[in-house]
Amino acid sequence: MKNPFEKKDNSAVIFTVAISAVALGALAYLFLTDQGQETQESVKHQFKDKAKELSSNYLSNKTGVSKSFFKNLADKIVK
């Protein structure tokens, strides 16, 4: 028989709810405000630039072809 006076530890549930609320607030800010959409576009642009840089470095090191060639190729593909 269970002890009715024994307390349960609900700290994991409370922590999960708090983190979820913060994450939902951040997503709402990014998708529902003009300033958030500007931030989203900025992050997207920076991500694309970094991906182009990393891929052109990798392909240049593996093939021996110039890095600028692969960067220009990536620019044309990503448009």
PDB file of N, CA and C in Angstrom:
ATOM      1  N   MET A   1       0.836  -1.167   0.000  1.00  0.00           N
ATOM      2  CA  MET A   1       0.000   0.000   0.000  1.00  0.00           C
ATOM      3  C   MET A   1       0.891   1.244   0.000  1.00  0.00           C
ATOM      4  N   LYS A   2       0.506   2.250  -0.815  1.00  0.00           N
ATOM      5  CA  LYS A   2       1.288   3.473  -0.910  1.00  0.00           C
ATOM      6  C   LYS A   2       1.054   4.352   0.312  1.00  0.00           C
ATOM      7  N   ASN A   3       2.114   5.048   0.682  1.00  0.00           N
ATOM      8  CA  ASN A   3       2.026   5.982   1.791  1.00  0.00           C
ATOM      9  C   ASN A   3       1.396   7.285   1.283  1.00  0.00           C
ATOM     10  N   PRO A   4       0.247   7.700   1.787  1.00  0.00           N
ATOM     11  CA  PRO A   4      -0.415   8.919   1.286  1.00  0.00           C
ATOM     12  C   PRO A   4       0.301  10.205   1.694  1.00  0.00           C
ATOM     13  N   PHE A   5       1.217  10.125   2.631  1.00  0.00           N
ATOM     14  CA  PHE A   5       1.921  11.309   3.105  1.00  0.00           C
ATOM     15  C   PHE A   5       3.272  11.502   2.419  1.00  0.00           C
ATOM     16  N   GLU A   6       3.646  10.594   1.560  1.00  0.00           N
ATOM     17  CA  GLU A   6       4.919  10.684   0.859  1.00  0.00           C
ATOM     18  C   GLU A   6       4.786  11.681  -0.300  1.00  0.00           C
ATOM     19  N   LYS A   7       5.723  12.634  -0.376  1.00  0.00           N
ATOM     20  CA  LYS A   7       5.679  13.658  -1.419  1.00  0.00           C
ATOM     21  C   LYS A   7       6.399  13.170  -2.667  1.00  0.00           C
ATOM     22  N   LYS A   8       5.857  13.540  -3.835  1.00  0.00           N
ATOM     23  CA  LYS A   8       6.498  13.211  -5.102  1.00  0.00           C
ATOM     24  C   LYS A   8       7.432  14.357  -5.493  1.00  0.00           C
ATOM     25  N   ASP A   9       8.487  13.997  -6.192  1.00  0.00           N
ATOM     26  CA  ASP A   9       9.421  15.002  -6.696  1.00  0.00           C
ATOM     27  C   ASP A   9       9.002  15.392  -8.113  1.00  0.00           C
ATOM     28  N   ASN A  10       8.448  16.581  -8.253  1.00  0.00           N
ATOM     29  CA  ASN A  10       7.974  17.062  -9.551  1.00  0.00           C
ATOM     30  C   ASN A  10       8.907  18.106 -10.158  1.00  0.00           C
ATOM     31  N   SER A  11      10.136  18.162  -9.712  1.00  0.00           N
ATOM     32  CA  SER A  11      11.045  19.200 -10.200  1.00  0.00           C
ATOM     33  C   SER A  11      11.363  19.020 -11.684  1.00  0.00           C
ATOM     34  N   ALA A  12      11.425  17.801 -12.188  1.00  0.00           N
ATOM     35  CA  ALA A  12      11.700  17.573 -13.608  1.00  0.00           C
ATOM     36  C   ALA A  12      10.559  18.099 -14.474  1.00  0.00           C
ATOM     37  N   VAL A  13       9.337  17.908 -14.024  1.00  0.00           N
ATOM     38  CA  VAL A  13       8.175  18.402 -14.773  1.00  0.00           C
ATOM     39  C   VAL A  13       8.172  19.925 -14.782  1.00  0.00           C
ATOM     40  N   ILE A  14       8.443  20.539 -13.656  1.00  0.00           N
ATOM     41  CA  ILE A  14       8.464  21.998 -13.561  1.00  0.00           C
ATOM     42  C   ILE A  14       9.574  22.564 -14.443  1.00  0.00           C
ATOM     43  N   PHE A  15      10.738  21.951 -14.433  1.00  0.00           N
ATOM     44  CA  PHE A  15      11.856  22.387 -15.263  1.00  0.00           C
ATOM     45  C   PHE A  15      11.503  22.276 -16.746  1.00  0.00           C
ATOM     46  N   THR A  16      10.874  21.183 -17.146  1.00  0.00           N
ATOM     47  CA  THR A  16      10.488  20.980 -18.541  1.00  0.00           C
ATOM     48  C   THR A  16       9.467  22.018 -18.986  1.00  0.00           C
ATOM     49  N   VAL A  17       8.503  22.317 -18.154  1.00  0.00           N
ATOM     50  CA  VAL A  17       7.495  23.315 -18.485  1.00  0.00           C
ATOM     51  C   VAL A  17       8.140  24.697 -18.613  1.00  0.00           C
ATOM     52  N   ALA A  18       9.065  25.027 -17.735  1.00  0.00           N
ATOM     53  CA  ALA A  18       9.731  26.334 -17.786  1.00  0.00           C
ATOM     54  C   ALA A  18      10.572  26.477 -19.061  1.00  0.00           C
ATOM     55  N   ILE A  19      11.339  25.460 -19.401  1.00  0.00           N
ATOM     56  CA  ILE A  19      12.165  25.504 -20.614  1.00  0.00           C
ATOM     57  C   ILE A  19      11.281  25.574 -21.853  1.00  0.00           C
ATOM     58  N   SER A  20      10.196  24.846 -21.871  1.00  0.00           N
ATOM     59  CA  SER A  20       9.265  24.885 -23.007  1.00  0.00           C
ATOM     60  C   SER A  20       8.654  26.262 -23.170  1.00  0.00           C
ATOM     61  N   ALA A  21       8.303  26.907 -22.081  1.00  0.00           N
ATOM     62  CA  ALA A  21       7.722  28.244 -22.145  1.00  0.00           C
ATOM     63  C   ALA A  21       8.720  29.247 -22.716  1.00  0.00           C
ATOM     64  N   VAL A  22       9.976  29.148 -22.313  1.00  0.00           N
ATOM     65  CA  VAL A  22      11.009  30.043 -22.841  1.00  0.00           C
ATOM     66  C   VAL A  22      11.214  29.793 -24.332  1.00  0.00           C
ATOM     67  N   ALA A  23      11.271  28.530 -24.746  1.00  0.00           N
ATOM     68  CA  ALA A  23      11.466  28.195 -26.155  1.00  0.00           C
ATOM     69  C   ALA A  23      10.292  28.681 -27.003  1.00  0.00           C
ATOM     70  N   LEU A  24       9.078  28.504 -26.520  1.00  0.00           N
ATOM     71  CA  LEU A  24       7.899  28.976 -27.255  1.00  0.00           C
ATOM     72  C   LEU A  24       7.865  30.498 -27.341  1.00  0.00           C
ATOM     73  N   GLY A  25       8.304  31.155 -26.313  1.00  0.00           N
ATOM     74  CA  GLY A  25       8.378  32.616 -26.346  1.00  0.00           C
ATOM     75  C   GLY A  25       9.381  33.103 -27.383  1.00  0.00           C
ATOM     76  N   ALA A  26      10.527  32.434 -27.462  1.00  0.00           N
ATOM     77  CA  ALA A  26      11.540  32.802 -28.458  1.00  0.00           C
ATOM     78  C   ALA A  26      11.029  32.555 -29.873  1.00  0.00           C
ATOM     79  N   LEU A  27      10.362  31.436 -30.088  1.00  0.00           N
ATOM     80  CA  LEU A  27       9.809  31.146 -31.412  1.00  0.00           C
ATOM     81  C   LEU A  27       8.714  32.141 -31.786  1.00  0.00           C
ATOM     82  N   ALA A  28       7.884  32.502 -30.839  1.00  0.00           N
ATOM     83  CA  ALA A  28       6.833  33.483 -31.104  1.00  0.00           C
ATOM     84  C   ALA A  28       7.447  34.829 -31.478  1.00  0.00           C
ATOM     85  N   TYR A  29       8.501  35.213 -30.790  1.00  0.00           N
ATOM     86  CA  TYR A  29       9.194  36.459 -31.111  1.00  0.00           C
ATOM     87  C   TYR A  29       9.752  36.415 -32.532  1.00  0.00           C
ATOM     88  N   LEU A  30      10.391  35.305 -32.899  1.00  0.00           N
ATOM     89  CA  LEU A  30      11.004  35.206 -34.221  1.00  0.00           C
ATOM     90  C   LEU A  30       9.973  35.216 -35.347  1.00  0.00           C
ATOM     91  N   PHE A  31       8.842  34.575 -35.141  1.00  0.00           N
ATOM     92  CA  PHE A  31       7.883  34.427 -36.225  1.00  0.00           C
ATOM     93  C   PHE A  31       6.759  35.457 -36.226  1.00  0.00           C
ATOM     94  N   LEU A  32       6.514  36.136 -35.121  1.00  0.00           N
ATOM     95  CA  LEU A  32       5.357  37.014 -35.047  1.00  0.00           C
ATOM     96  C   LEU A  32       5.677  38.501 -34.989  1.00  0.00           C
ATOM     97  N   THR A  33       6.943  38.874 -34.853  1.00  0.00           N
ATOM     98  CA  THR A  33       7.283  40.293 -34.815  1.00  0.00           C
ATOM     99  C   THR A  33       8.139  40.650 -36.021  1.00  0.00           C
ATOM    100  N   ASP A  34       8.082  41.916 -36.408  1.00  0.00           N
ATOM    101  CA  ASP A  34       8.895  42.390 -37.535  1.00  0.00           C
ATOM    102  C   ASP A  34      10.380  42.326 -37.199  1.00  0.00           C
ATOM    103  N   GLN A  35      10.717  42.720 -35.997  1.00  0.00           N
ATOM    104  CA  GLN A  35      12.108  42.680 -35.571  1.00  0.00           C
ATOM    105  C   GLN A  35      12.617  41.233 -35.522  1.00  0.00           C
ATOM    106  N   GLY A  36      11.759  40.309 -35.121  1.00  0.00           N
ATOM    107  CA  GLY A  36      12.135  38.900 -35.092  1.00  0.00           C
ATOM    108  C   GLY A  36      12.364  38.346 -36.483  1.00  0.00           C
ATOM    109  N   GLN A  37      11.554  38.788 -37.447  1.00  0.00           N
ATOM    110  CA  GLN A  37      11.743  38.329 -38.821  1.00  0.00           C
ATOM    111  C   GLN A  37      13.034  38.884 -39.410  1.00  0.00           C
ATOM    112  N   GLU A  38      13.405  40.105 -39.039  1.00  0.00           N
ATOM    113  CA  GLU A  38      14.694  40.655 -39.465  1.00  0.00           C
ATOM    114  C   GLU A  38      15.845  39.844 -38.869  1.00  0.00           C
ATOM    115  N   THR A  39      15.711  39.489 -37.627  1.00  0.00           N
ATOM    116  CA  THR A  39      16.733  38.653 -36.969  1.00  0.00           C
ATOM    117  C   THR A  39      16.822  37.300 -37.648  1.00  0.00           C
ATOM    118  N   GLN A  40      15.682  36.741 -37.982  1.00  0.00           N
ATOM    119  CA  GLN A  40      15.635  35.437 -38.650  1.00  0.00           C
ATOM    120  C   GLN A  40      16.342  35.510 -40.004  1.00  0.00           C
ATOM    121  N   GLU A  41      16.093  36.560 -40.778  1.00  0.00           N
ATOM    122  CA  GLU A  41      16.750  36.725 -42.079  1.00  0.00           C
ATOM    123  C   GLU A  41      18.255  36.902 -41.917  1.00  0.00           C
ATOM    124  N   SER A  42      18.652  37.646 -40.911  1.00  0.00           N
ATOM    125  CA  SER A  42      20.077  37.865 -40.657  1.00  0.00           C
ATOM    126  C   SER A  42      20.784  36.560 -40.316  1.00  0.00           C
ATOM    127  N   VAL A  43      20.168  35.773 -39.452  1.00  0.00           N
ATOM    128  CA  VAL A  43      20.761  34.488 -39.066  1.00  0.00           C
ATOM    129  C   VAL A  43      20.812  33.547 -40.265  1.00  0.00           C
ATOM    130  N   LYS A  44      19.771  33.553 -41.060  1.00  0.00           N
ATOM    131  CA  LYS A  44      19.724  32.701 -42.250  1.00  0.00           C
ATOM    132  C   LYS A  44      20.840  33.079 -43.226  1.00  0.00           C
ATOM    133  N   HIS A  45      21.050  34.376 -43.412  1.00  0.00           N
ATOM    134  CA  HIS A  45      22.101  34.852 -44.318  1.00  0.00           C
ATOM    135  C   HIS A  45      23.484  34.456 -43.798  1.00  0.00           C
ATOM    136  N   GLN A  46      23.706  34.635 -42.498  1.00  0.00           N
ATOM    137  CA  GLN A  46      24.993  34.263 -41.904  1.00  0.00           C
ATOM    138  C   GLN A  46      25.232  32.763 -42.003  1.00  0.00           C
ATOM    139  N   PHE A  47      24.183  31.969 -41.822  1.00  0.00           N
ATOM    140  CA  PHE A  47      24.307  30.514 -41.918  1.00  0.00           C
ATOM    141  C   PHE A  47      24.694  30.098 -43.335  1.00  0.00           C
ATOM    142  N   LYS A  48      24.049  30.698 -44.334  1.00  0.00           N
ATOM    143  CA  LYS A  48      24.371  30.377 -45.727  1.00  0.00           C
ATOM    144  C   LYS A  48      25.811  30.747 -46.060  1.00  0.00           C
ATOM    145  N   ASP A  49      26.252  31.924 -45.607  1.00  0.00           N
ATOM    146  CA  ASP A  49      27.629  32.345 -45.868  1.00  0.00           C
ATOM    147  C   ASP A  49      28.636  31.396 -45.230  1.00  0.00           C
ATOM    148  N   LYS A  50      28.377  30.993 -44.005  1.00  0.00           N
ATOM    149  CA  LYS A  50      29.292  30.071 -43.311  1.00  0.00           C
ATOM    150  C   LYS A  50      29.309  28.708 -43.994  1.00  0.00           C
ATOM    151  N   ALA A  51      28.143  28.231 -44.443  1.00  0.00           N
ATOM    152  CA  ALA A  51      28.082  26.939 -45.136  1.00  0.00           C
ATOM    153  C   ALA A  51      28.851  26.996 -46.448  1.00  0.00           C
ATOM    154  N   LYS A  52      28.729  28.095 -47.179  1.00  0.00           N
ATOM    155  CA  LYS A  52      29.485  28.255 -48.427  1.00  0.00           C
ATOM    156  C   LYS A  52      30.981  28.249 -48.154  1.00  0.00           C
ATOM    157  N   GLU A  53      31.383  28.958 -47.113  1.00  0.00           N
ATOM    158  CA  GLU A  53      32.803  29.041 -46.758  1.00  0.00           C
ATOM    159  C   GLU A  53      33.362  27.661 -46.395  1.00  0.00           C
ATOM    160  N   LEU A  54      32.646  26.939 -45.545  1.00  0.00           N
ATOM    161  CA  LEU A  54      33.121  25.616 -45.118  1.00  0.00           C
ATOM    162  C   LEU A  54      33.166  24.625 -46.276  1.00  0.00           C
ATOM    163  N   SER A  55      32.135  24.643 -47.113  1.00  0.00           N
ATOM    164  CA  SER A  55      32.104  23.686 -48.232  1.00  0.00           C
ATOM    165  C   SER A  55      33.172  24.007 -49.263  1.00  0.00           C
ATOM    166  N   SER A  56      33.398  25.294 -49.539  1.00  0.00           N
ATOM    167  CA  SER A  56      34.432  25.636 -50.508  1.00  0.00           C
ATOM    168  C   SER A  56      35.823  25.297 -49.970  1.00  0.00           C
ATOM    169  N   ASN A  57      36.056  25.487 -48.677  1.00  0.00           N
ATOM    170  CA  ASN A  57      37.341  25.087 -48.081  1.00  0.00           C
ATOM    171  C   ASN A  57      37.545  23.581 -48.193  1.00  0.00           C
ATOM    172  N   TYR A  58      36.520  22.830 -47.854  1.00  0.00           N
ATOM    173  CA  TYR A  58      36.621  21.368 -47.876  1.00  0.00           C
ATOM    174  C   TYR A  58      36.893  20.858 -49.292  1.00  0.00           C
ATOM    175  N   LEU A  59      36.089  21.330 -50.246  1.00  0.00           N
ATOM    176  CA  LEU A  59      36.256  20.861 -51.620  1.00  0.00           C
ATOM    177  C   LEU A  59      37.585  21.297 -52.215  1.00  0.00           C
ATOM    178  N   SER A  60      38.040  22.488 -51.867  1.00  0.00           N
ATOM    179  CA  SER A  60      39.327  22.970 -52.355  1.00  0.00           C
ATOM    180  C   SER A  60      40.468  22.118 -51.815  1.00  0.00           C
ATOM    181  N   ASN A  61      40.386  21.766 -50.546  1.00  0.00           N
ATOM    182  CA  ASN A  61      41.437  20.923 -49.948  1.00  0.00           C
ATOM    183  C   ASN A  61      41.432  19.517 -50.544  1.00  0.00           C
ATOM    184  N   LYS A  62      40.274  18.975 -50.852  1.00  0.00           N
ATOM    185  CA  LYS A  62      40.180  17.603 -51.374  1.00  0.00           C
ATOM    186  C   LYS A  62      40.537  17.509 -52.851  1.00  0.00           C
ATOM    187  N   THR A  63      40.227  18.554 -53.635  1.00  0.00           N
ATOM    188  CA  THR A  63      40.426  18.457 -55.085  1.00  0.00           C
ATOM    189  C   THR A  63      41.618  19.248 -55.591  1.00  0.00           C
ATOM    190  N   GLY A  64      42.065  20.245 -54.867  1.00  0.00           N
ATOM    191  CA  GLY A  64      43.167  21.074 -55.326  1.00  0.00           C
ATOM    192  C   GLY A  64      42.707  22.208 -56.242  1.00  0.00           C
ATOM    193  N   VAL A  65      41.412  22.310 -56.487  1.00  0.00           N
ATOM    194  CA  VAL A  65      40.860  23.398 -57.292  1.00  0.00           C
ATOM    195  C   VAL A  65      40.724  24.624 -56.385  1.00  0.00           C
ATOM    196  N   SER A  66      40.824  25.820 -56.984  1.00  0.00           N
ATOM    197  CA  SER A  66      40.825  27.041 -56.173  1.00  0.00           C
ATOM    198  C   SER A  66      39.530  27.191 -55.363  1.00  0.00           C
ATOM    199  N   LYS A  67      39.688  27.800 -54.222  1.00  0.00           N
ATOM    200  CA  LYS A  67      38.575  28.019 -53.312  1.00  0.00           C
ATOM    201  C   LYS A  67      37.550  28.981 -53.921  1.00  0.00           C
ATOM    202  N   SER A  68      38.018  29.986 -54.648  1.00  0.00           N
ATOM    203  CA  SER A  68      37.111  30.967 -55.250  1.00  0.00           C
ATOM    204  C   SER A  68      36.186  30.325 -56.281  1.00  0.00           C
ATOM    205  N   PHE A  69      36.680  29.316 -56.998  1.00  0.00           N
ATOM    206  CA  PHE A  69      35.843  28.610 -57.967  1.00  0.00           C
ATOM    207  C   PHE A  69      34.644  27.974 -57.269  1.00  0.00           C
ATOM    208  N   PHE A  70      34.912  27.258 -56.178  1.00  0.00           N
ATOM    209  CA  PHE A  70      33.828  26.598 -55.455  1.00  0.00           C
ATOM    210  C   PHE A  70      32.890  27.593 -54.774  1.00  0.00           C
ATOM    211  N   LYS A  71      33.460  28.727 -54.317  1.00  0.00           N
ATOM    212  CA  LYS A  71      32.618  29.732 -53.681  1.00  0.00           C
ATOM    213  C   LYS A  71      31.666  30.358 -54.706  1.00  0.00           C
ATOM    214  N   ASN A  72      32.179  30.652 -55.903  1.00  0.00           N
ATOM    215  CA  ASN A  72      31.308  31.190 -56.965  1.00  0.00           C
ATOM    216  C   ASN A  72      30.265  30.176 -57.378  1.00  0.00           C
ATOM    217  N   LEU A  73      30.646  28.921 -57.455  1.00  0.00           N
ATOM    218  CA  LEU A  73      29.707  27.864 -57.796  1.00  0.00           C
ATOM    219  C   LEU A  73      28.606  27.760 -56.739  1.00  0.00           C
ATOM    220  N   ALA A  74      28.979  27.834 -55.491  1.00  0.00           N
ATOM    221  CA  ALA A  74      28.005  27.778 -54.393  1.00  0.00           C
ATOM    222  C   ALA A  74      27.062  28.977 -54.441  1.00  0.00           C
ATOM    223  N   ASP A  75      27.588  30.145 -54.791  1.00  0.00           N
ATOM    224  CA  ASP A  75      26.737  31.336 -54.907  1.00  0.00           C
ATOM    225  C   ASP A  75      25.659  31.138 -55.965  1.00  0.00           C
ATOM    226  N   LYS A  76      26.032  30.549 -57.074  1.00  0.00           N
ATOM    227  CA  LYS A  76      25.072  30.322 -58.151  1.00  0.00           C
ATOM    228  C   LYS A  76      24.054  29.242 -57.780  1.00  0.00           C
ATOM    229  N   ILE A  77      24.475  28.242 -57.038  1.00  0.00           N
ATOM    230  CA  ILE A  77      23.568  27.143 -56.654  1.00  0.00           C
ATOM    231  C   ILE A  77      22.577  27.619 -55.581  1.00  0.00           C
ATOM    232  N   VAL A  78      23.035  28.376 -54.615  1.00  0.00           N
ATOM    233  CA  VAL A  78      22.217  28.743 -53.457  1.00  0.00           C
ATOM    234  C   VAL A  78      21.195  29.832 -53.790  1.00  0.00           C
ATOM    235  N   LYS A  79      21.446  30.637 -54.784  1.00  0.00           N
ATOM    236  CA  LYS A  79      20.515  31.726 -55.132  1.00  0.00           C
ATOM    237  C   LYS A  79      19.107  31.236 -55.072  1.00  0.00           C
TER     238      LYS A  79
END
